[in-house]
Every structure is written in structure tokens, then in C-alpha cells.
């Protein structure tokens, strides 16, 4: 799902302490998984990059709160980190960018036509990022990939689109 262009960070706190995974991270009976892209280069290059599960939650609300808790551990000067909430069938429920104590959730697409448009636009941005990389403009390439990742984050599974759109309205 993610191009993995956003930098990924461990969840180690500033004092060097890695917090335990809250809310039964290993309990497969909890339907919502808070995930981040797998940072291992070999996994990224394999094309089979499954996201790393940070924790599992019983409700979407708890998962959204878990994302905020995770964002509190991100350094203030660090680049945003893509996060996603998946259901028990690994369908995308909600995704966004986590940064210093905040999460910017991406609103889901509302139709198949909008999804196709988003896929097209993200593909174009990735092509531009490839050209920027060829022109030795790594910062520009990274920004373009980040924008493409944020577009991809809108590609919520059709099963969840309306529910998540309403949840984001309520949360606002």
C-alpha cells in the first residue's frame, strides 16, 4: 500500500526506552491493527513489504487513540511517518501521517471513480519523483513520494469508506 518513501522511525522514546505494545498487540482477536511501513530495505525491495503491526485494538476509536499515542513518541523535528489502521482481513480502514503529537488523517475516497483518479495522480507523482531522483534532486523526489503516499492513504477499502468518513466528521 505504501511506497515507503516517508522515513520510518522506531517507536523508541527520546530516553531510549521502547514502550511495550499496548492493548494486546499480539492478540489476533482484536480486529484493528495500527501499522507502519516496514523499514527494512530488503523487505521494501522485495515488493512484499507487509506493514509492521504496532498494536491491536478492539475498536476503531481505540486504534485512532493508539495512533495519537504513537505520534507523541515522534521527535518534533522528524519528518511525518505514514501510519495505517487495518481490519482483521488486512483491509485499509484509515491512514494518515503522524508527526509530533498529532495525526493528520486522510479522508477516504467516496467512489470508484475518485479512487481511479487518486491512483492516477499518485502514479504521476511517483513518476515525477523518479525523474527528480534521476536529476539528482533527492529532496524533491522525497516530497513527491510523500504526496503520493498521502494520496494512496485515501484508498480506504470500499467496505469502510462511509463509516470512516462519518467517524472523521465526528472526530473533527
Protein backbone atom coordinates (compact mmCIF):
# COMPACT_ATOMS: atom_id res chain seq x y z
CA UNK A 1 0.00 0.00 0.00
CA UNK A 2 2.74 2.45 0.86
CA UNK A 3 5.62 3.42 -1.38
CA UNK A 4 7.66 3.63 1.83
CA UNK A 5 9.17 6.93 0.85
CA UNK A 6 8.44 8.56 4.18
CA UNK A 7 11.18 7.96 6.70
CA UNK A 8 10.29 5.29 9.19
CA UNK A 9 11.30 5.54 12.79
CA UNK A 10 11.37 3.06 15.59
CA UNK A 11 8.98 3.65 18.42
CA UNK A 12 11.82 4.22 20.82
CA UNK A 13 11.12 7.15 23.10
CA UNK A 14 13.66 10.00 23.46
CA UNK A 15 15.07 8.43 26.61
CA UNK A 16 15.92 5.27 24.67
CA UNK A 17 13.11 3.24 26.21
CA UNK A 18 10.92 1.26 23.80
CA UNK A 19 7.39 1.16 25.18
CA UNK A 20 5.57 -2.14 25.38
CA UNK A 21 2.91 -2.65 22.75
CA UNK A 22 -0.32 -1.56 24.42
CA UNK A 23 -3.78 -3.03 24.14
CA UNK A 24 -2.82 -6.63 23.36
CA UNK A 25 -0.58 -6.07 20.35
CA UNK A 26 -0.21 -9.80 19.82
CA UNK A 27 -3.91 -10.65 20.29
CA UNK A 28 -5.25 -11.58 16.83
CA UNK A 29 -8.81 -11.42 18.19
CA UNK A 30 -8.64 -7.64 18.28
CA UNK A 31 -9.92 -6.53 14.88
CA UNK A 32 -7.99 -3.29 14.29
CA UNK A 33 -4.22 -3.19 13.77
CA UNK A 34 -2.21 0.03 13.94
CA UNK A 35 0.62 -0.34 11.43
CA UNK A 36 3.63 1.47 10.00
CA UNK A 37 5.57 0.62 6.83
CA UNK A 38 8.30 -1.97 7.33
CA UNK A 39 11.64 -0.07 7.37
CA UNK A 40 13.87 -2.98 6.36
CA UNK A 41 15.45 -2.29 2.95
CA UNK A 42 15.36 -5.95 1.92
CA UNK A 43 11.62 -6.12 2.61
CA UNK A 44 11.00 -2.87 0.74
CA UNK A 45 12.88 -4.09 -2.31
CA UNK A 46 11.13 -7.48 -2.31
CA UNK A 47 7.78 -5.98 -3.24
CA UNK A 48 6.21 -8.00 -0.45
CA UNK A 49 6.50 -5.35 2.23
CA UNK A 50 3.91 -6.17 4.87
CA UNK A 51 3.46 -3.37 7.37
CA UNK A 52 4.71 -3.73 10.93
CA UNK A 53 1.92 -4.00 13.49
CA UNK A 54 2.48 -1.66 16.43
CA UNK A 55 -0.62 -2.69 18.36
CA UNK A 56 -4.07 -4.24 18.02
CA UNK A 57 -7.28 -2.69 19.27
CA UNK A 58 -10.87 -3.71 19.88
CA UNK A 59 -12.42 -0.57 18.35
CA UNK A 60 -11.57 1.97 15.70
CA UNK A 61 -11.69 4.72 18.32
CA UNK A 62 -9.06 2.92 20.40
CA UNK A 63 -6.91 2.45 17.29
CA UNK A 64 -7.14 6.16 16.47
CA UNK A 65 -6.15 6.97 20.06
CA UNK A 66 -3.27 4.49 19.77
CA UNK A 67 -2.09 6.38 16.68
CA UNK A 68 -2.07 9.62 18.70
CA UNK A 69 -0.13 7.88 21.47
CA UNK A 70 2.38 6.68 18.86
CA UNK A 71 2.68 10.22 17.44
CA UNK A 72 3.67 11.51 20.88
CA UNK A 73 6.87 9.48 20.58
CA UNK A 74 7.92 11.06 17.29
CA UNK A 75 10.62 13.71 17.62
CA UNK A 76 9.45 17.30 16.99
CA UNK A 77 11.90 17.80 14.11
CA UNK A 78 11.27 14.42 12.45
CA UNK A 79 9.50 14.06 9.13
CA UNK A 80 5.93 12.75 9.21
CA UNK A 81 5.53 8.98 9.36
CA UNK A 82 2.80 7.12 7.49
CA UNK A 83 0.53 5.03 9.69
CA UNK A 84 -2.48 2.90 8.82
CA UNK A 85 -5.26 1.09 10.60
CA UNK A 86 -6.13 -2.27 9.06
CA UNK A 87 -9.03 -4.57 9.90
CA UNK A 88 -8.63 -8.26 10.70
CA UNK A 89 -8.74 -9.08 6.96
CA UNK A 90 -5.91 -6.57 6.26
CA UNK A 91 -8.26 -4.12 4.56
CA UNK A 92 -7.33 -0.45 4.86
CA UNK A 93 -9.67 1.27 7.31
CA UNK A 94 -7.88 4.59 7.81
CA UNK A 95 -4.44 6.04 7.12
CA UNK A 96 -2.57 9.25 7.65
CA UNK A 97 0.66 10.95 8.59
CA UNK A 98 1.84 11.02 12.20
CA UNK A 99 4.15 13.73 13.41
CA UNK A 100 4.99 15.43 16.69
CA UNK A 101 1.96 14.65 18.91
CA UNK A 102 -0.52 14.76 16.02
CA UNK A 103 -2.01 12.61 13.30
CA UNK A 104 -3.34 14.02 10.04
CA UNK A 105 -5.90 11.50 8.84
CA UNK A 106 -6.57 11.28 5.11
CA UNK A 107 -10.24 11.40 4.18
CA UNK A 108 -11.27 8.34 2.17
CA UNK A 109 -12.30 8.49 -1.46
CA UNK A 110 -16.06 8.47 -1.95
CA UNK A 111 -16.37 6.48 -5.17
CA UNK A 112 -14.60 4.11 -7.53
CA UNK A 113 -14.13 6.96 -10.00
CA UNK A 114 -12.42 9.08 -7.36
CA UNK A 115 -10.26 6.08 -6.41
CA UNK A 116 -9.13 5.70 -10.03
CA UNK A 117 -8.29 9.40 -10.16
CA UNK A 118 -6.28 9.14 -6.94
CA UNK A 119 -4.36 6.12 -8.25
CA UNK A 120 -3.60 8.01 -11.47
CA UNK A 121 -2.43 11.12 -9.61
CA UNK A 122 -0.27 9.09 -7.21
CA UNK A 123 1.28 7.25 -10.15
CA UNK A 124 2.08 10.55 -11.84
CA UNK A 125 3.71 11.88 -8.66
CA UNK A 126 5.85 8.75 -8.37
CA UNK A 127 6.93 9.11 -11.98
CA UNK A 128 7.89 12.72 -11.29
CA UNK A 129 9.77 11.56 -8.19
CA UNK A 130 11.71 9.09 -10.32
CA UNK A 131 12.68 11.84 -12.73
CA UNK A 132 13.65 14.13 -9.85
CA UNK A 133 15.86 11.36 -8.46
CA UNK A 134 17.48 11.00 -11.89
CA UNK A 135 18.12 14.76 -11.88
CA UNK A 136 19.87 14.39 -8.52
CA UNK A 137 17.10 16.17 -6.61
CA UNK A 138 16.56 13.74 -3.71
CA UNK A 139 14.65 16.23 -1.54
CA UNK A 140 12.17 16.96 -4.30
CA UNK A 141 11.84 13.23 -5.03
CA UNK A 142 11.12 12.52 -1.36
CA UNK A 143 8.45 15.26 -1.18
CA UNK A 144 6.77 13.94 -4.32
CA UNK A 145 6.74 10.40 -2.91
CA UNK A 146 5.29 11.71 0.35
CA UNK A 147 2.47 13.40 -1.57
CA UNK A 148 1.84 10.15 -3.46
CA UNK A 149 1.73 8.23 -0.17
CA UNK A 150 -0.82 10.67 1.21
CA UNK A 151 -2.96 10.17 -1.87
CA UNK A 152 -2.68 6.39 -1.51
CA UNK A 153 -3.79 6.75 2.10
CA UNK A 154 -7.19 7.86 0.80
CA UNK A 155 -7.75 4.46 -0.84
CA UNK A 156 -9.77 3.06 2.03
CA UNK A 157 -11.47 -0.27 1.39
CA UNK A 158 -14.98 0.29 -0.01
CA UNK A 159 -16.45 -1.56 2.97
CA UNK A 160 -15.11 1.11 5.35
CA UNK A 161 -15.43 4.33 3.31
CA UNK A 162 -18.72 5.68 4.61
CA UNK A 163 -18.13 4.57 8.17
CA UNK A 164 -14.68 6.16 8.34
CA UNK A 165 -15.83 9.36 6.64
CA UNK A 166 -18.51 9.68 9.29
CA UNK A 167 -16.05 8.83 12.09
CA UNK A 168 -13.72 11.60 10.89
CA UNK A 169 -16.61 14.06 10.82
CA UNK A 170 -17.48 13.18 14.40
CA UNK A 171 -13.84 13.37 15.49
CA UNK A 172 -13.50 16.84 13.99
